[in-house]
Structure formats: C-alpha cells, structure tokens
C-alpha atoms as a PDB file:
ATOM      1  CA  MET A   1       0.078   0.038   0.122  1.00  0.00           C
ATOM      2  CA  THR A   2       1.158   3.398  -0.689  1.00  0.00           C
ATOM      3  CA  LYS A   3       1.524   6.048   2.004  1.00  0.00           C
ATOM      4  CA  THR A   4      -1.309   8.046   0.397  1.00  0.00           C
ATOM      5  CA  ALA A   5      -3.609   4.940   0.661  1.00  0.00           C
ATOM      6  CA  VAL A   6      -2.647   4.327   4.279  1.00  0.00           C
ATOM      7  CA  ALA A   7      -3.210   8.128   5.016  1.00  0.00           C
ATOM      8  CA  MET A   8      -6.643   8.109   3.411  1.00  0.00           C
ATOM      9  CA  ILE A   9      -7.757   4.769   5.378  1.00  0.00           C
ATOM     10  CA  LEU A  10      -6.582   6.307   8.470  1.00  0.00           C
ATOM     11  CA  ALA A  11      -8.371   9.726   7.828  1.00  0.00           C
ATOM     12  CA  LEU A  12     -11.606   7.647   7.104  1.00  0.00           C
ATOM     13  CA  SER A  13     -11.303   5.584  10.054  1.00  0.00           C
ATOM     14  CA  LEU A  14     -10.993   8.707  12.304  1.00  0.00           C
ATOM     15  CA  ALA A  15     -13.991  10.318  10.653  1.00  0.00           C
ATOM     16  CA  LEU A  16     -16.232   7.274  11.025  1.00  0.00           C
ATOM     17  CA  GLY A  17     -15.064   6.918  14.665  1.00  0.00           C
ATOM     18  CA  ALA A  18     -16.125  10.479  15.330  1.00  0.00           C
ATOM     19  CA  CYS A  19     -19.486   9.739  14.021  1.00  0.00           C
ATOM     20  CA  SER A  20     -19.895   6.561  16.035  1.00  0.00           C
ATOM     21  CA  GLY A  21     -22.983   7.774  18.046  1.00  0.00           C
ATOM     22  CA  LYS A  22     -21.134   8.041  21.318  1.00  0.00           C
ATOM     23  CA  GLY A  23     -21.466  11.666  21.318  1.00  0.00           C
ATOM     24  CA  ALA A  24     -25.065  11.302  20.607  1.00  0.00           C
ATOM     25  CA  GLN A  25     -25.591   8.762  23.358  1.00  0.00           C
ATOM     26  CA  GLU A  26     -23.968  11.205  25.781  1.00  0.00           C
ATOM     27  CA  LEU A  27     -26.087  14.076  24.751  1.00  0.00           C
ATOM     28  CA  PHE A  28     -29.179  12.046  25.154  1.00  0.00           C
ATOM     29  CA  GLU A  29     -28.241  11.009  28.526  1.00  0.00           C
ATOM     30  CA  THR A  30     -27.679  14.599  29.419  1.00  0.00           C
ATOM     31  CA  ALA A  31     -31.000  15.668  27.933  1.00  0.00           C
ATOM     32  CA  GLN A  32     -32.718  12.980  30.107  1.00  0.00           C
ATOM     33  CA  PHE A  33     -31.063  14.275  33.177  1.00  0.00           C
ATOM     34  CA  GLU A  34     -32.113  17.907  32.250  1.00  0.00           C
ATOM     35  CA  GLU A  35     -35.716  16.701  31.957  1.00  0.00           C
ATOM     36  CA  LYS A  36     -35.562  15.148  35.330  1.00  0.00           C
ATOM     37  CA  GLN A  37     -34.141  18.404  36.711  1.00  0.00           C
ATOM     38  CA  HIS A  38     -37.162  20.258  34.997  1.00  0.00           C
ATOM     39  CA  ASN A  39     -34.710  22.122  32.811  1.00  0.00           C
ATOM     40  CA  LEU A  40     -36.872  21.350  29.724  1.00  0.00           C
ATOM     41  CA  GLU A  41     -35.594  24.184  27.471  1.00  0.00           C
ATOM     42  CA  HIS A  42     -31.977  22.845  27.945  1.00  0.00           C
ATOM     43  CA  ALA A  43     -33.272  19.330  27.378  1.00  0.00           C
ATOM     44  CA  LYS A  44     -34.926  20.359  24.088  1.00  0.00           C
ATOM     45  CA  LYS A  45     -31.894  22.023  22.812  1.00  0.00           C
ATOM     46  CA  LEU A  46     -29.868  18.788  23.469  1.00  0.00           C
ATOM     47  CA  TYR A  47     -32.550  16.581  21.781  1.00  0.00           C
ATOM     48  CA  GLU A  48     -32.271  18.941  18.739  1.00  0.00           C
ATOM     49  CA  GLU A  49     -28.756  18.711  18.604  1.00  0.00           C
ATOM     50  CA  ILE A  50     -28.985  14.997  18.363  1.00  0.00           C
ATOM     51  CA  VAL A  51     -31.426  15.195  15.592  1.00  0.00           C
ATOM     52  CA  THR A  52     -29.425  17.704  13.569  1.00  0.00           C
ATOM     53  CA  LYS A  53     -25.810  16.543  14.331  1.00  0.00           C
ATOM     54  CA  HIS A  54     -26.306  12.836  14.757  1.00  0.00           C
ATOM     55  CA  PRO A  55     -29.367  11.868  12.462  1.00  0.00           C
ATOM     56  CA  GLN A  56     -28.157   8.424  11.878  1.00  0.00           C
ATOM     57  CA  SER A  57     -27.320   7.531  15.386  1.00  0.00           C
ATOM     58  CA  GLU A  58     -29.400   4.991  17.407  1.00  0.00           C
ATOM     59  CA  VAL A  59     -30.787   7.695  19.758  1.00  0.00           C
ATOM     60  CA  ALA A  60     -32.004  10.047  17.099  1.00  0.00           C
ATOM     61  CA  ALA A  61     -35.452   8.570  16.813  1.00  0.00           C
ATOM     62  CA  LYS A  62     -35.652   8.624  20.616  1.00  0.00           C
ATOM     63  CA  ALA A  63     -34.724  12.364  20.635  1.00  0.00           C
ATOM     64  CA  LYS A  64     -37.372  13.103  18.132  1.00  0.00           C
ATOM     65  CA  GLU A  65     -39.945  11.363  20.308  1.00  0.00           C
ATOM     66  CA  ARG A  66     -38.771  13.186  23.369  1.00  0.00           C
ATOM     67  CA  LEU A  67     -38.922  16.609  21.448  1.00  0.00           C
ATOM     68  CA  GLU A  68     -42.592  15.890  20.499  1.00  0.00           C
ATOM     69  CA  ALA A  69     -43.601  14.908  23.784  1.00  0.00           C
ATOM     70  CA  LEU A  70     -42.039  18.128  25.296  1.00  0.00           C
ATOM     71  CA  LYS A  71     -43.723  20.194  22.656  1.00  0.00           C
ATOM     72  CA  THR A  72     -47.095  18.770  23.311  1.00  0.00           C
ATOM     73  CA  ALA A  73     -46.733  18.902  27.133  1.00  0.00           C
ATOM     74  CA  LYS A  74     -46.869  22.698  27.185  1.00  0.00           C
END
C-alpha cells in the first residue's frame, strides 16, 4: 500500500469513529437528566442537537420522540 492510501484509510477511520454515536448517546443521557431536573428548555436544545448533528445515530429517533412529547406537554 502506498503512503497516500494508508493516510486516506486512517483519515476515514478517524472520521467514522467521530460519528460512532457515542457523542449522541452522551447528549441523550444529558438531555434525560435535564428533563428530570425540570430544565426542559435545555433538554429540548440537546435533543435538537442530536437530531441535527447525529441523525443516523441509534438515539436520534428517541430524541425526536422526546422533542414531540415536550412540545405537546406545554
């Protein structure tokens, strides 16, 4: 393999690792905590961040559900 190919593979691996969903999971857990603390505006912002920045993550659908529930709860 050439050095360029190795560099491209490494860059791709790092990029995919950054989108692994771990960040989304952490955001989701924080949003849940904020809900329990009755800080609903912050929870909504976190759920929205998950939906926009991590739409393919495992928790994106859950975040959408929570957003809808919070919007209808008012």
